[in-house]
PDB file of N, CA and C in Angstrom:
ATOM      1  N   MET A   1     -43.360   9.005   5.199  1.00  0.00           N
ATOM      2  CA  MET A   1     -43.047   9.404   4.800  1.00  0.00           C
ATOM      3  C   MET A   1     -41.597   8.969   5.425  1.00  0.00           C
ATOM      4  N   VAL A   2     -41.090   7.670   5.047  1.00  0.00           N
ATOM      5  CA  VAL A   2     -39.514   7.181   5.690  1.00  0.00           C
ATOM      6  C   VAL A   2     -37.960   7.502   4.923  1.00  0.00           C
ATOM      7  N   GLU A   3     -37.636   8.077   5.138  1.00  0.00           N
ATOM      8  CA  GLU A   3     -35.419   8.869   5.512  1.00  0.00           C
ATOM      9  C   GLU A   3     -35.054   7.656   4.480  1.00  0.00           C
ATOM     10  N   LYS A   4     -34.159   7.690   3.581  1.00  0.00           N
ATOM     11  CA  LYS A   4     -32.785   6.451   3.360  1.00  0.00           C
ATOM     12  C   LYS A   4     -32.051   6.853   3.979  1.00  0.00           C
ATOM     13  N   ALA A   5     -31.624   6.226   4.963  1.00  0.00           N
ATOM     14  CA  ALA A   5     -30.579   5.781   6.231  1.00  0.00           C
ATOM     15  C   ALA A   5     -29.409   5.936   5.757  1.00  0.00           C
ATOM     16  N   TYR A   6     -28.465   6.133   5.397  1.00  0.00           N
ATOM     17  CA  TYR A   6     -27.555   7.028   5.627  1.00  0.00           C
ATOM     18  C   TYR A   6     -26.169   5.510   5.570  1.00  0.00           C
ATOM     19  N   ARG A   7     -25.624   6.032   4.190  1.00  0.00           N
ATOM     20  CA  ARG A   7     -24.467   4.520   4.371  1.00  0.00           C
ATOM     21  C   ARG A   7     -23.186   5.155   3.707  1.00  0.00           C
ATOM     22  N   PRO A   8     -22.546   4.968   4.394  1.00  0.00           N
ATOM     23  CA  PRO A   8     -21.497   5.190   3.240  1.00  0.00           C
ATOM     24  C   PRO A   8     -20.898   4.252   2.615  1.00  0.00           C
ATOM     25  N   ASP A   9     -20.109   4.975   1.553  1.00  0.00           N
ATOM     26  CA  ASP A   9     -19.874   3.744   0.235  1.00  0.00           C
ATOM     27  C   ASP A   9     -18.628   4.058  -0.025  1.00  0.00           C
ATOM     28  N   TYR A  10     -17.268   3.460   0.521  1.00  0.00           N
ATOM     29  CA  TYR A  10     -16.226   3.981   0.478  1.00  0.00           C
ATOM     30  C   TYR A  10     -15.720   3.338  -0.803  1.00  0.00           C
ATOM     31  N   ARG A  11     -14.546   4.281  -1.665  1.00  0.00           N
ATOM     32  CA  ARG A  11     -13.974   3.437  -2.816  1.00  0.00           C
ATOM     33  C   ARG A  11     -12.415   3.793  -2.154  1.00  0.00           C
ATOM     34  N   ARG A  12     -11.045   3.128  -2.922  1.00  0.00           N
ATOM     35  CA  ARG A  12     -10.351   3.789  -2.734  1.00  0.00           C
ATOM     36  C   ARG A  12     -10.031   4.521  -3.765  1.00  0.00           C
ATOM     37  N   VAL A  13      -8.474   5.337  -3.830  1.00  0.00           N
ATOM     38  CA  VAL A  13      -8.127   6.335  -5.021  1.00  0.00           C
ATOM     39  C   VAL A  13      -6.685   6.510  -4.173  1.00  0.00           C
ATOM     40  N   VAL A  14      -5.655   6.725  -5.207  1.00  0.00           N
ATOM     41  CA  VAL A  14      -4.831   7.736  -5.125  1.00  0.00           C
ATOM     42  C   VAL A  14      -4.392   8.599  -5.554  1.00  0.00           C
ATOM     43  N   VAL A  15      -4.257   9.387  -5.019  1.00  0.00           N
ATOM     44  CA  VAL A  15      -4.064  10.974  -5.868  1.00  0.00           C
ATOM     45  C   VAL A  15      -2.255  12.087  -5.075  1.00  0.00           C
ATOM     46  N   ARG A  16      -2.347  13.001  -6.184  1.00  0.00           N
ATOM     47  CA  ARG A  16      -1.229  12.739  -6.197  1.00  0.00           C
ATOM     48  C   ARG A  16      -1.463  14.679  -6.488  1.00  0.00           C
ATOM     49  N   THR A  17      -0.673  15.105  -5.417  1.00  0.00           N
ATOM     50  CA  THR A  17      -0.271  16.420  -4.998  1.00  0.00           C
ATOM     51  C   THR A  17       0.578  17.477  -5.617  1.00  0.00           C
ATOM     52  N   SER A  18       0.584  18.660  -5.703  1.00  0.00           N
ATOM     53  CA  SER A  18       1.650  19.270  -6.406  1.00  0.00           C
ATOM     54  C   SER A  18       2.530  19.212  -5.639  1.00  0.00           C
ATOM     55  N   ASP A  19       2.943  18.940  -4.603  1.00  0.00           N
ATOM     56  CA  ASP A  19       4.399  18.736  -4.239  1.00  0.00           C
ATOM     57  C   ASP A  19       4.612  17.485  -4.483  1.00  0.00           C
ATOM     58  N   GLY A  20       4.649  16.510  -5.408  1.00  0.00           N
ATOM     59  CA  GLY A  20       4.981  15.268  -5.504  1.00  0.00           C
ATOM     60  C   GLY A  20       4.566  14.562  -4.998  1.00  0.00           C
ATOM     61  N   GLU A  21       4.085  14.228  -3.905  1.00  0.00           N
ATOM     62  CA  GLU A  21       3.539  13.763  -2.866  1.00  0.00           C
ATOM     63  C   GLU A  21       2.033  13.068  -3.382  1.00  0.00           C
ATOM     64  N   THR A  22       2.818  11.112  -3.124  1.00  0.00           N
ATOM     65  CA  THR A  22       1.449  10.055  -3.534  1.00  0.00           C
ATOM     66  C   THR A  22       0.584   9.914  -2.580  1.00  0.00           C
ATOM     67  N   ILE A  23      -0.687   9.863  -2.459  1.00  0.00           N
ATOM     68  CA  ILE A  23      -1.608   9.682  -1.024  1.00  0.00           C
ATOM     69  C   ILE A  23      -2.729   8.276  -1.288  1.00  0.00           C
ATOM     70  N   GLN A  24      -2.880   7.340  -1.287  1.00  0.00           N
ATOM     71  CA  GLN A  24      -3.696   6.477  -1.596  1.00  0.00           C
ATOM     72  C   GLN A  24      -4.331   5.863   0.021  1.00  0.00           C
ATOM     73  N   GLY A  25      -6.318   5.941  -0.124  1.00  0.00           N
ATOM     74  CA  GLY A  25      -7.087   6.105   0.692  1.00  0.00           C
ATOM     75  C   GLY A  25      -8.031   5.730   0.116  1.00  0.00           C
ATOM     76  N   SER A  26      -9.463   5.582   1.253  1.00  0.00           N
ATOM     77  CA  SER A  26     -10.785   5.401   1.001  1.00  0.00           C
ATOM     78  C   SER A  26     -10.910   7.166   1.370  1.00  0.00           C
ATOM     79  N   ILE A  27     -12.548   7.632   0.168  1.00  0.00           N
ATOM     80  CA  ILE A  27     -13.704   8.033  -0.193  1.00  0.00           C
ATOM     81  C   ILE A  27     -14.893   7.692   0.695  1.00  0.00           C
ATOM     82  N   ASN A  28     -15.207   8.710   1.061  1.00  0.00           N
ATOM     83  CA  ASN A  28     -16.714   7.738   0.811  1.00  0.00           C
ATOM     84  C   ASN A  28     -17.092   9.012  -0.278  1.00  0.00           C
ATOM     85  N   ILE A  29     -18.085   8.053  -0.740  1.00  0.00           N
ATOM     86  CA  ILE A  29     -18.704   9.214  -2.540  1.00  0.00           C
ATOM     87  C   ILE A  29     -20.764   8.828  -1.850  1.00  0.00           C
ATOM     88  N   ALA A  30     -21.063   8.487  -0.605  1.00  0.00           N
ATOM     89  CA  ALA A  30     -21.930   7.681  -0.721  1.00  0.00           C
ATOM     90  C   ALA A  30     -23.369   8.778  -1.226  1.00  0.00           C
ATOM     91  N   SER A  31     -23.201   9.435  -1.283  1.00  0.00           N
ATOM     92  CA  SER A  31     -23.957  11.215  -1.790  1.00  0.00           C
ATOM     93  C   SER A  31     -24.289  11.434  -3.066  1.00  0.00           C
ATOM     94  N   LYS A  32     -22.717  10.783  -3.660  1.00  0.00           N
ATOM     95  CA  LYS A  32     -22.239  11.100  -4.974  1.00  0.00           C
ATOM     96  C   LYS A  32     -22.528  10.110  -5.611  1.00  0.00           C
ATOM     97  N   GLU A  33     -22.210   9.986  -6.892  1.00  0.00           N
ATOM     98  CA  GLU A  33     -23.227   8.734  -8.302  1.00  0.00           C
ATOM     99  C   GLU A  33     -21.008   8.987  -8.472  1.00  0.00           C
ATOM    100  N   ARG A  34     -19.935   9.187  -8.784  1.00  0.00           N
ATOM    101  CA  ARG A  34     -18.767   8.417  -8.824  1.00  0.00           C
ATOM    102  C   ARG A  34     -17.817   9.018  -8.469  1.00  0.00           C
ATOM    103  N   VAL A  35     -16.592   8.905  -7.703  1.00  0.00           N
ATOM    104  CA  VAL A  35     -15.796   8.995  -7.266  1.00  0.00           C
ATOM    105  C   VAL A  35     -15.364  10.499  -7.703  1.00  0.00           C
ATOM    106  N   SER A  36     -14.757  10.759  -9.052  1.00  0.00           N
ATOM    107  CA  SER A  36     -14.467  12.157  -9.811  1.00  0.00           C
ATOM    108  C   SER A  36     -15.880  13.587  -8.883  1.00  0.00           C
ATOM    109  N   ASP A  37     -17.260  12.863  -8.971  1.00  0.00           N
ATOM    110  CA  ASP A  37     -18.024  14.068  -8.381  1.00  0.00           C
ATOM    111  C   ASP A  37     -17.790  14.331  -7.044  1.00  0.00           C
ATOM    112  N   ILE A  38     -16.350  13.764  -5.994  1.00  0.00           N
ATOM    113  CA  ILE A  38     -16.303  14.125  -5.093  1.00  0.00           C
ATOM    114  C   ILE A  38     -15.433  14.904  -5.530  1.00  0.00           C
ATOM    115  N   PHE A  39     -14.553  15.233  -6.989  1.00  0.00           N
ATOM    116  CA  PHE A  39     -14.032  16.287  -6.825  1.00  0.00           C
ATOM    117  C   PHE A  39     -14.215  17.643  -7.603  1.00  0.00           C
ATOM    118  N   THR A  40     -15.478  17.301  -8.836  1.00  0.00           N
ATOM    119  CA  THR A  40     -15.453  18.130  -9.478  1.00  0.00           C
ATOM    120  C   THR A  40     -17.493  18.824  -9.085  1.00  0.00           C
ATOM    121  N   LYS A  41     -18.237  18.059  -8.209  1.00  0.00           N
ATOM    122  CA  LYS A  41     -19.097  18.951  -7.759  1.00  0.00           C
ATOM    123  C   LYS A  41     -19.449  18.900  -6.309  1.00  0.00           C
ATOM    124  N   GLN A  42     -18.141  18.813  -5.945  1.00  0.00           N
ATOM    125  CA  GLN A  42     -18.598  19.151  -4.080  1.00  0.00           C
ATOM    126  C   GLN A  42     -18.049  20.823  -4.338  1.00  0.00           C
ATOM    127  N   GLU A  43     -18.665  21.420  -3.247  1.00  0.00           N
ATOM    128  CA  GLU A  43     -18.209  22.497  -3.319  1.00  0.00           C
ATOM    129  C   GLU A  43     -17.010  22.918  -2.150  1.00  0.00           C
ATOM    130  N   ASN A  44     -16.350  21.559  -0.222  1.00  0.00           N
ATOM    131  CA  ASN A  44     -16.178  21.381   0.019  1.00  0.00           C
ATOM    132  C   ASN A  44     -14.661  21.657  -0.011  1.00  0.00           C
ATOM    133  N   PRO A  45     -13.626  22.769   0.436  1.00  0.00           N
ATOM    134  CA  PRO A  45     -12.317  22.632   0.030  1.00  0.00           C
ATOM    135  C   PRO A  45     -11.695  21.564  -0.446  1.00  0.00           C
ATOM    136  N   PHE A  46     -12.085  20.503   0.444  1.00  0.00           N
ATOM    137  CA  PHE A  46     -11.127  19.409   1.453  1.00  0.00           C
ATOM    138  C   PHE A  46     -12.520  18.253   1.672  1.00  0.00           C
ATOM    139  N   ILE A  47     -11.399  16.950   0.692  1.00  0.00           N
ATOM    140  CA  ILE A  47     -11.482  15.714   1.281  1.00  0.00           C
ATOM    141  C   ILE A  47     -10.906  14.947   1.926  1.00  0.00           C
ATOM    142  N   VAL A  48     -11.597  14.403   3.071  1.00  0.00           N
ATOM    143  CA  VAL A  48     -11.330  13.467   4.194  1.00  0.00           C
ATOM    144  C   VAL A  48     -10.840  12.244   3.078  1.00  0.00           C
ATOM    145  N   MET A  49     -10.052  11.658   3.989  1.00  0.00           N
ATOM    146  CA  MET A  49      -9.853  10.381   3.096  1.00  0.00           C
ATOM    147  C   MET A  49      -9.211   9.090   4.492  1.00  0.00           C
ATOM    148  N   LYS A  50      -9.894   7.857   4.079  1.00  0.00           N
ATOM    149  CA  LYS A  50      -9.811   6.862   5.532  1.00  0.00           C
ATOM    150  C   LYS A  50      -8.830   6.240   4.921  1.00  0.00           C
ATOM    151  N   ASP A  51      -7.461   5.184   5.977  1.00  0.00           N
ATOM    152  CA  ASP A  51      -6.771   4.268   5.351  1.00  0.00           C
ATOM    153  C   ASP A  51      -6.199   4.828   4.830  1.00  0.00           C
ATOM    154  N   VAL A  52      -5.344   5.485   5.653  1.00  0.00           N
ATOM    155  CA  VAL A  52      -4.242   6.835   4.433  1.00  0.00           C
ATOM    156  C   VAL A  52      -3.458   5.851   4.062  1.00  0.00           C
ATOM    157  N   TYR A  53      -2.158   5.394   2.903  1.00  0.00           N
ATOM    158  CA  TYR A  53      -1.020   5.239   2.643  1.00  0.00           C
ATOM    159  C   TYR A  53      -0.164   6.302   2.635  1.00  0.00           C
ATOM    160  N   PHE A  54       0.907   7.209   3.189  1.00  0.00           N
ATOM    161  CA  PHE A  54       1.567   8.491   2.986  1.00  0.00           C
ATOM    162  C   PHE A  54       2.547   8.354   3.623  1.00  0.00           C
ATOM    163  N   ARG A  55       3.890   8.547   3.059  1.00  0.00           N
ATOM    164  CA  ARG A  55       5.375   8.340   3.180  1.00  0.00           C
ATOM    165  C   ARG A  55       5.388   7.564   4.019  1.00  0.00           C
ATOM    166  N   GLU A  56       5.259   6.138   3.453  1.00  0.00           N
ATOM    167  CA  GLU A  56       5.270   4.835   4.090  1.00  0.00           C
ATOM    168  C   GLU A  56       4.572   4.941   4.870  1.00  0.00           C
ATOM    169  N   ASN A  57       3.738   5.470   5.843  1.00  0.00           N
ATOM    170  CA  ASN A  57       3.638   5.069   6.557  1.00  0.00           C
ATOM    171  C   ASN A  57       1.514   5.266   6.811  1.00  0.00           C
ATOM    172  N   ARG A  58       1.205   4.247   7.583  1.00  0.00           N
ATOM    173  CA  ARG A  58      -0.892   4.062   7.762  1.00  0.00           C
ATOM    174  C   ARG A  58      -1.147   4.920   8.851  1.00  0.00           C
ATOM    175  N   LEU A  59      -2.426   5.944   8.384  1.00  0.00           N
ATOM    176  CA  LEU A  59      -3.083   7.329   8.793  1.00  0.00           C
ATOM    177  C   LEU A  59      -4.840   6.710   9.046  1.00  0.00           C
ATOM    178  N   ASP A  60      -5.079   6.771  10.431  1.00  0.00           N
ATOM    179  CA  ASP A  60      -6.430   6.530  10.108  1.00  0.00           C
ATOM    180  C   ASP A  60      -7.295   7.262   9.146  1.00  0.00           C
ATOM    181  N   THR A  61      -6.824   9.095   9.647  1.00  0.00           N
ATOM    182  CA  THR A  61      -7.802   9.688   9.009  1.00  0.00           C
ATOM    183  C   THR A  61      -6.740  11.171   8.447  1.00  0.00           C
ATOM    184  N   LEU A  62      -7.161  11.671   6.734  1.00  0.00           N
ATOM    185  CA  LEU A  62      -5.785  12.468   6.079  1.00  0.00           C
ATOM    186  C   LEU A  62      -6.926  13.358   5.901  1.00  0.00           C
ATOM    187  N   ILE A  63      -7.113  14.737   5.987  1.00  0.00           N
ATOM    188  CA  ILE A  63      -7.783  15.735   5.140  1.00  0.00           C
ATOM    189  C   ILE A  63      -6.761  16.523   4.026  1.00  0.00           C
ATOM    190  N   VAL A  64      -7.053  16.506   2.840  1.00  0.00           N
ATOM    191  CA  VAL A  64      -6.484  16.955   2.357  1.00  0.00           C
ATOM    192  C   VAL A  64      -7.281  18.245   1.151  1.00  0.00           C
ATOM    193  N   ASN A  65      -6.232  19.411   1.120  1.00  0.00           N
ATOM    194  CA  ASN A  65      -7.331  20.335   0.294  1.00  0.00           C
ATOM    195  C   ASN A  65      -7.052  20.157  -1.141  1.00  0.00           C
ATOM    196  N   LYS A  66      -8.565  20.428  -1.533  1.00  0.00           N
ATOM    197  CA  LYS A  66      -8.290  19.982  -3.002  1.00  0.00           C
ATOM    198  C   LYS A  66      -7.561  20.942  -4.142  1.00  0.00           C
ATOM    199  N   THR A  67      -7.241  21.603  -3.548  1.00  0.00           N
ATOM    200  CA  THR A  67      -6.359  23.163  -4.549  1.00  0.00           C
ATOM    201  C   THR A  67      -4.824  22.267  -4.844  1.00  0.00           C
ATOM    202  N   PHE A  68      -4.628  21.475  -3.587  1.00  0.00           N
ATOM    203  CA  PHE A  68      -3.044  20.965  -4.286  1.00  0.00           C
ATOM    204  C   PHE A  68      -3.195  19.404  -4.809  1.00  0.00           C
ATOM    205  N   ILE A  69      -4.278  19.565  -5.106  1.00  0.00           N
ATOM    206  CA  ILE A  69      -4.541  17.453  -5.712  1.00  0.00           C
ATOM    207  C   ILE A  69      -3.836  18.251  -7.309  1.00  0.00           C
ATOM    208  N   VAL A  70      -3.199  17.339  -8.022  1.00  0.00           N
ATOM    209  CA  VAL A  70      -2.889  17.385  -9.059  1.00  0.00           C
ATOM    210  C   VAL A  70      -3.258  16.263 -10.312  1.00  0.00           C
ATOM    211  N   TRP A  71      -3.763  15.227  -9.588  1.00  0.00           N
ATOM    212  CA  TRP A  71      -4.605  13.819 -10.240  1.00  0.00           C
ATOM    213  C   TRP A  71      -4.709  12.983  -9.348  1.00  0.00           C
ATOM    214  N   ALA A  72      -6.236  12.494  -9.591  1.00  0.00           N
ATOM    215  CA  ALA A  72      -6.921  11.514  -8.721  1.00  0.00           C
ATOM    216  C   ALA A  72      -7.217  10.043  -9.669  1.00  0.00           C
ATOM    217  N   GLU A  73      -6.287   9.173  -9.251  1.00  0.00           N
ATOM    218  CA  GLU A  73      -6.673   7.740  -9.761  1.00  0.00           C
ATOM    219  C   GLU A  73      -8.779   7.059  -8.737  1.00  0.00           C
ATOM    220  N   PRO A  74      -9.021   6.715  -9.042  1.00  0.00           N
ATOM    221  CA  PRO A  74     -10.196   5.636  -8.788  1.00  0.00           C
ATOM    222  C   PRO A  74      -8.939   4.163  -8.690  1.00  0.00           C
ATOM    223  N   LEU A  75      -9.493   3.362  -7.500  1.00  0.00           N
ATOM    224  CA  LEU A  75      -8.446   2.199  -7.934  1.00  0.00           C
ATOM    225  C   LEU A  75      -9.140   1.230  -7.654  1.00  0.00           C
ATOM    226  N   ASP A  76     -10.575   0.825  -7.485  1.00  0.00           N
ATOM    227  CA  ASP A  76     -11.950  -0.066  -7.640  1.00  0.00           C
ATOM    228  C   ASP A  76     -13.160   0.168  -8.836  1.00  0.00           C
TER     229      ASP A  76
END
């Protein structure tokens, strides 16, 4: 039996946090079907965002607590 090789599948999203911050970046949905699955079907309380634009800065990685996300919008 051959296992399927893991391949990341990054999607661009914008999220707004409860303190009014807007964060744009990429999230890996490789094991999920849709971007919304990351927010609704995953038990992990955090999302990892790559290539992030936050407060007029570019960050490689940002870890966001899903509890503080008010809305999310896929850009792809």
